[in-house]
Amino acid sequence: MRILIVGASGTIGKRVAVALEPNHEVIRAGRNGADVSVDTTSHESITEMYEKIGYIDAVINASGGANFKAVPDLTPELNEKGIASKLKGQINLVLLGQGYVKDGGSFTLTTGIMMDDPIPLGASAAMANGGVKAFVKASSIEMPRGIRINCVSPNVVQESWDRLGDLFAGFNPVPADRVARAYVKSVEGAQTGKNYEVY
């Protein structure tokens, strides 16, 4: 298959690319150091990316961010990052990419453990994750031409523990390689509308 990975230079995206490369053609997309550049907060940038790469069998998104702030300090402006990047950015990859994914292809988006197991400062990210999960479940019954859509909900990954561990007190981090296998399952499997939890 010809697979587009958005956020391929990130901790999870790199491992997903490594897991898929032996059997598939992988196209890396991101802001820097990729085969094709994309800003998922821009409709125009997403459309230009798809026009440049042409038809593909699968799209994986491993990108998206949010501000980590306590609710009393979370302004609409700060919350907008999670909406524009983690929520709308991922959904727009689907809405604008439907015509570029071949019959029977797939989209795989990324949610996260915070929507089900909240952490302090994580309300904005949890909001975006929950919205993506709901979109995946609801849109799966309407996707055209046999296209499947799923999402992966990873725990904090071991490789990011030094940077993020203080936010996830008491959590048991998982290796990024284990998280990557969930994306492989989504792409190579047959299920749709699923949120694959990697805890």
Protein backbone atom coordinates (compact mmCIF):
# COMPACT_ATOMS: atom_id res chain seq x y z
CA MET A 1 0.00 0.00 0.00
CA ARG A 2 0.91 3.64 -0.44
CA ILE A 3 0.58 5.19 3.03
CA LEU A 4 0.74 8.84 4.08
CA ILE A 5 1.93 9.49 7.65
CA VAL A 6 1.29 13.02 8.91
CA GLY A 7 3.53 13.81 11.86
CA ALA A 8 6.08 11.24 10.74
CA SER A 9 8.96 13.01 12.47
CA GLY A 10 7.38 12.77 15.92
CA THR A 11 8.03 10.12 18.55
CA ILE A 12 5.08 7.95 17.56
CA GLY A 13 5.10 8.84 13.87
CA LYS A 14 8.70 7.67 13.46
CA ARG A 15 7.89 4.27 14.98
CA VAL A 16 4.79 3.89 12.82
CA ALA A 17 6.87 4.57 9.71
CA VAL A 18 9.46 1.99 10.75
CA ALA A 19 6.73 -0.58 11.39
CA LEU A 20 5.09 -0.08 7.99
CA GLU A 21 8.11 0.47 5.73
CA PRO A 22 9.08 -3.19 5.25
CA ASN A 23 5.78 -3.95 3.49
CA HIS A 24 4.50 -0.62 2.18
CA GLU A 25 5.48 2.63 0.50
CA VAL A 26 5.53 5.29 3.21
CA ILE A 27 5.20 9.01 2.48
CA ARG A 28 6.19 11.25 5.38
CA ALA A 29 4.41 14.56 5.92
CA GLY A 30 4.99 17.25 8.50
CA ARG A 31 6.16 20.76 9.12
CA ASN A 32 9.87 19.87 8.85
CA GLY A 33 12.13 17.18 7.47
CA ALA A 34 9.48 15.27 5.53
CA ASP A 35 8.77 14.13 1.98
CA VAL A 36 5.99 16.70 1.80
CA SER A 37 5.24 19.65 4.06
CA VAL A 38 1.85 20.30 5.66
CA ASP A 39 0.29 22.52 8.28
CA THR A 40 -2.82 20.70 9.45
CA THR A 41 -4.33 23.92 10.81
CA SER A 42 -4.57 25.24 7.22
CA HIS A 43 -7.16 23.97 4.72
CA GLU A 44 -5.00 25.23 1.88
CA SER A 45 -1.91 23.41 3.13
CA ILE A 46 -3.78 20.12 3.53
CA THR A 47 -5.24 20.40 0.03
CA GLU A 48 -1.83 21.24 -1.47
CA MET A 49 -0.33 18.18 0.25
CA TYR A 50 -2.96 15.83 -1.19
CA GLU A 51 -2.65 17.36 -4.65
CA LYS A 52 1.11 16.91 -4.54
CA ILE A 53 1.14 13.25 -3.48
CA GLY A 54 -1.91 12.04 -5.42
CA TYR A 55 -3.86 8.88 -4.70
CA ILE A 56 -3.02 6.84 -1.62
CA ASP A 57 -4.32 3.76 0.17
CA ALA A 58 -4.15 5.02 3.75
CA VAL A 59 -3.69 8.18 5.80
CA ILE A 60 -2.29 8.10 9.33
CA ASN A 61 -2.18 11.18 11.50
CA ALA A 62 0.23 11.18 14.43
CA SER A 63 0.32 14.96 14.85
CA GLY A 64 -1.63 17.54 16.80
CA GLY A 65 -1.12 19.58 19.93
CA ALA A 66 -2.91 21.38 22.73
CA ASN A 67 -2.03 23.75 25.55
CA PHE A 68 -1.67 22.21 28.99
CA LYS A 69 -3.32 24.66 31.38
CA ALA A 70 -5.49 24.42 34.47
CA VAL A 71 -9.11 25.24 33.70
CA PRO A 72 -9.04 28.52 35.72
CA ASP A 73 -6.17 29.64 33.47
CA LEU A 74 -7.53 28.20 30.21
CA THR A 75 -8.74 31.03 28.00
CA PRO A 76 -10.62 30.58 24.72
CA GLU A 77 -7.46 31.68 22.93
CA LEU A 78 -5.32 29.03 24.63
CA ASN A 79 -7.99 26.39 24.07
CA GLU A 80 -8.02 27.22 20.38
CA LYS A 81 -4.72 25.39 19.81
CA GLY A 82 -6.31 22.05 20.70
CA ILE A 83 -9.35 22.83 18.56
CA ALA A 84 -7.37 23.98 15.51
CA SER A 85 -4.61 21.36 15.67
CA LYS A 86 -5.68 18.22 17.51
CA LEU A 87 -9.40 18.33 16.67
CA LYS A 88 -10.08 20.22 13.43
CA GLY A 89 -6.67 19.45 11.96
CA GLN A 90 -7.31 15.72 12.10
CA ILE A 91 -10.93 15.94 10.97
CA ASN A 92 -9.95 18.15 8.03
CA LEU A 93 -7.40 15.54 6.93
CA VAL A 94 -10.39 13.24 6.50
CA LEU A 95 -12.83 15.72 4.99
CA LEU A 96 -10.31 17.07 2.47
CA GLY A 97 -8.67 13.70 1.84
CA GLN A 98 -11.66 11.50 1.04
CA GLY A 99 -11.24 11.99 -2.68
CA TYR A 100 -7.57 11.00 -2.57
CA VAL A 101 -7.98 7.73 -0.65
CA LYS A 102 -8.60 4.72 -2.87
CA ASP A 103 -11.62 2.45 -2.56
CA GLY A 104 -11.30 0.28 0.54
CA GLY A 105 -8.58 2.53 1.97
CA SER A 106 -8.39 3.93 5.48
CA PHE A 107 -7.83 6.87 7.79
CA THR A 108 -6.24 6.43 11.22
CA LEU A 109 -6.33 9.39 13.62
CA THR A 110 -4.86 9.85 17.10
CA THR A 111 -6.67 10.45 20.39
CA GLY A 112 -5.11 9.76 23.80
CA ILE A 113 -5.54 8.42 27.30
CA MET A 114 -6.42 11.80 28.82
CA MET A 115 -9.99 11.71 27.50
CA ASP A 116 -10.67 8.59 29.59
CA ASP A 117 -8.20 9.00 32.44
CA PRO A 118 -7.93 12.75 33.12
CA ILE A 119 -4.81 14.50 34.34
CA PRO A 120 -4.37 17.98 35.81
CA LEU A 121 -3.84 20.59 33.08
CA GLY A 122 -5.21 18.20 30.46
CA ALA A 123 -8.78 19.43 29.89
CA SER A 124 -8.09 21.06 26.51
CA ALA A 125 -6.28 18.01 25.12
CA ALA A 126 -8.97 15.70 26.50
CA MET A 127 -11.65 17.80 24.80
CA ALA A 128 -9.94 17.47 21.45
CA ASN A 129 -9.30 13.75 21.90
CA GLY A 130 -12.91 13.09 22.79
CA GLY A 131 -14.13 15.02 19.77
CA VAL A 132 -11.90 13.01 17.45
CA LYS A 133 -13.10 9.73 18.95
CA ALA A 134 -16.75 10.74 18.49
CA PHE A 135 -16.11 11.85 14.90
CA VAL A 136 -14.42 8.54 14.06
CA LYS A 137 -17.27 6.47 15.47
CA ALA A 138 -20.02 8.53 13.84
CA SER A 139 -18.34 9.03 10.47
CA SER A 140 -17.50 5.33 10.08
CA ILE A 141 -21.11 4.56 9.10
CA GLU A 142 -21.02 7.13 6.28
CA MET A 143 -17.55 6.81 4.78
CA PRO A 144 -17.75 6.35 0.99
CA ARG A 145 -16.41 3.55 -1.20
CA GLY A 146 -15.61 1.15 1.63
CA ILE A 147 -13.12 3.53 3.25
CA ARG A 148 -12.49 2.68 6.90
CA ILE A 149 -11.71 5.09 9.73
CA ASN A 150 -10.26 4.37 13.18
CA CYS A 151 -8.25 6.12 15.87
CA VAL A 152 -5.50 5.09 18.26
CA SER A 153 -5.57 6.15 21.92
CA PRO A 154 -2.07 5.78 23.35
CA ASN A 155 -0.94 6.07 26.92
CA VAL A 156 2.03 8.37 27.48
CA VAL A 157 4.96 6.71 25.72
CA GLN A 158 8.16 5.62 27.42
CA GLU A 159 10.29 7.66 25.01
CA SER A 160 8.56 10.87 26.15
CA TRP A 161 8.59 10.09 29.85
CA ASP A 162 11.56 12.36 30.69
CA ARG A 163 9.72 15.29 29.11
CA LEU A 164 6.10 14.52 30.08
CA GLY A 165 6.28 12.16 33.04
CA ASP A 166 5.57 14.86 35.62
CA LEU A 167 2.14 15.38 34.03
CA PHE A 168 1.27 11.68 34.27
CA ALA A 169 1.83 10.81 37.92
CA GLY A 170 1.19 7.12 38.58
CA PHE A 171 0.76 6.19 34.92
CA ASN A 172 2.63 3.27 33.39
CA PRO A 173 4.18 4.46 30.12
CA VAL A 174 4.17 2.19 27.09
CA PRO A 175 6.88 1.74 24.45
CA ALA A 176 6.29 3.63 21.20
CA ASP A 177 6.84 0.39 19.25
CA ARG A 178 3.80 -1.11 20.99
CA VAL A 179 1.73 1.96 20.13
CA ALA A 180 2.86 1.70 16.50
CA ARG A 181 1.38 -1.79 16.24
CA ALA A 182 -2.09 -0.34 16.82
CA TYR A 183 -1.67 1.86 13.75
CA VAL A 184 -0.54 -1.17 11.74
CA LYS A 185 -3.66 -3.02 12.92
CA SER A 186 -5.85 -0.14 11.77
CA VAL A 187 -4.22 0.08 8.33
CA GLU A 188 -3.83 -3.63 7.56
CA GLY A 189 -6.93 -4.90 9.37
CA ALA A 190 -10.62 -4.75 8.50
CA GLN A 191 -12.26 -2.91 11.40
CA THR A 192 -13.79 0.55 11.25
CA GLY A 193 -15.11 3.05 13.77
CA LYS A 194 -12.74 1.74 16.44
CA ASN A 195 -10.65 3.53 19.07
CA TYR A 196 -7.66 1.27 19.70
CA GLU A 197 -6.52 1.78 23.29
CA VAL A 198 -2.84 1.16 24.02
CA TYR A 199 -2.59 1.27 27.80
